[in-house]
């Protein structure tokens, strides 16, 4: 009789200790939010030699620049827009909970 009581007490202690560990399987999964956003860097408008890549002609209201620099600016704008959309989606998830 005494051994049965000890076994019962031991089983109850074991149950109390193991229940919190095993309860994570019964909880709904939590959504992990990753706030790590990549913020693009604007292309440098000055060449390695120190010469300006962009020239403004005020009389004609024109800007002259190399095509590769224009392409870099467009890619910068697209990456910035993508980062903004990720940031807004992240804020929407955080503030709606």
Protein backbone atom coordinates (compact mmCIF):
# COMPACT_ATOMS: atom_id res chain seq x y z
CA UNK A 1 0.00 0.00 0.00
CA UNK A 2 2.76 2.43 0.91
CA UNK A 3 4.62 1.74 -2.33
CA UNK A 4 1.46 2.44 -4.34
CA UNK A 5 1.14 5.86 -2.68
CA UNK A 6 4.76 6.67 -3.46
CA UNK A 7 4.29 5.63 -7.06
CA UNK A 8 1.14 7.76 -7.32
CA UNK A 9 2.90 10.81 -5.84
CA UNK A 10 5.87 10.28 -8.15
CA UNK A 11 3.57 10.04 -11.18
CA UNK A 12 1.74 13.23 -10.16
CA UNK A 13 5.05 15.11 -9.77
CA UNK A 14 6.22 13.82 -13.13
CA UNK A 15 2.93 14.88 -14.71
CA UNK A 16 3.18 18.39 -13.25
CA UNK A 17 6.77 18.75 -14.44
CA UNK A 18 6.19 17.41 -17.96
CA UNK A 19 2.85 19.07 -18.69
CA UNK A 20 4.26 22.55 -19.48
CA UNK A 21 6.89 21.01 -21.75
CA UNK A 22 4.36 19.01 -23.74
CA UNK A 23 1.73 21.75 -23.90
CA UNK A 24 3.51 23.59 -26.72
CA UNK A 25 2.22 20.93 -29.11
CA UNK A 26 -1.38 21.83 -28.31
CA UNK A 27 -1.00 25.59 -28.73
CA UNK A 28 -1.75 27.14 -32.12
CA UNK A 29 1.40 28.01 -34.06
CA UNK A 30 2.53 31.58 -33.66
CA UNK A 31 3.45 33.59 -36.70
CA UNK A 32 7.04 34.78 -36.63
CA UNK A 33 7.47 38.36 -37.74
CA UNK A 34 10.83 39.22 -39.20
CA UNK A 35 11.38 42.98 -39.02
CA UNK A 36 14.75 42.74 -40.78
CA UNK A 37 14.26 44.94 -43.81
CA UNK A 38 16.86 45.73 -46.43
CA UNK A 39 17.12 49.46 -46.97
CA UNK A 40 18.72 50.20 -50.35
CA UNK A 41 21.49 52.75 -50.72
CA UNK A 42 21.09 55.52 -53.27
CA UNK A 43 23.68 55.35 -56.06
CA UNK A 44 26.51 57.85 -55.67
CA UNK A 45 26.15 60.70 -58.20
CA UNK A 46 29.92 61.29 -58.19
CA UNK A 47 32.30 59.02 -60.13
CA UNK A 48 35.47 57.50 -58.70
CA UNK A 49 37.48 60.32 -60.28
CA UNK A 50 35.36 62.93 -58.45
CA UNK A 51 33.48 63.98 -61.59
CA UNK A 52 29.71 64.54 -61.39
CA UNK A 53 27.69 61.90 -63.24
CA UNK A 54 24.56 64.03 -63.48
CA UNK A 55 24.51 67.38 -65.28
CA UNK A 56 21.61 69.82 -65.08
CA UNK A 57 20.96 72.12 -68.05
CA UNK A 58 18.63 74.74 -66.60
CA UNK A 59 17.90 76.64 -69.83
CA UNK A 60 16.50 73.51 -71.48
CA UNK A 61 15.24 71.95 -68.23
CA UNK A 62 17.14 68.74 -68.94
CA UNK A 63 19.25 66.36 -66.94
CA UNK A 64 22.06 64.43 -68.60
CA UNK A 65 23.38 61.21 -67.08
CA UNK A 66 24.86 57.88 -68.22
CA UNK A 67 22.38 55.08 -68.94
CA UNK A 68 23.95 52.80 -66.35
CA UNK A 69 23.41 55.47 -63.66
CA UNK A 70 19.80 55.94 -64.74
CA UNK A 71 19.35 52.16 -64.51
CA UNK A 72 20.87 52.20 -61.01
CA UNK A 73 18.42 54.93 -59.96
CA UNK A 74 15.46 52.95 -61.30
CA UNK A 75 16.61 49.83 -59.45
CA UNK A 76 16.99 51.93 -56.28
CA UNK A 77 13.42 53.21 -56.63
CA UNK A 78 12.07 49.69 -57.19
CA UNK A 79 13.93 48.32 -54.14
CA UNK A 80 12.70 51.26 -52.05
CA UNK A 81 9.12 50.59 -53.11
CA UNK A 82 9.50 46.89 -52.28
CA UNK A 83 10.91 47.71 -48.83
CA UNK A 84 8.06 50.16 -48.19
CA UNK A 85 5.48 47.47 -49.05
CA UNK A 86 7.18 44.96 -46.73
CA UNK A 87 7.27 47.54 -43.94
CA UNK A 88 3.57 48.38 -44.38
CA UNK A 89 2.64 44.68 -44.36
CA UNK A 90 4.72 44.15 -41.24
CA UNK A 91 3.04 47.11 -39.48
CA UNK A 92 -0.37 45.82 -40.52
CA UNK A 93 0.34 42.45 -38.87
CA UNK A 94 1.69 44.03 -35.69
CA UNK A 95 -0.99 46.64 -35.14
CA UNK A 96 -3.95 44.42 -36.05
CA UNK A 97 -3.11 41.82 -33.39
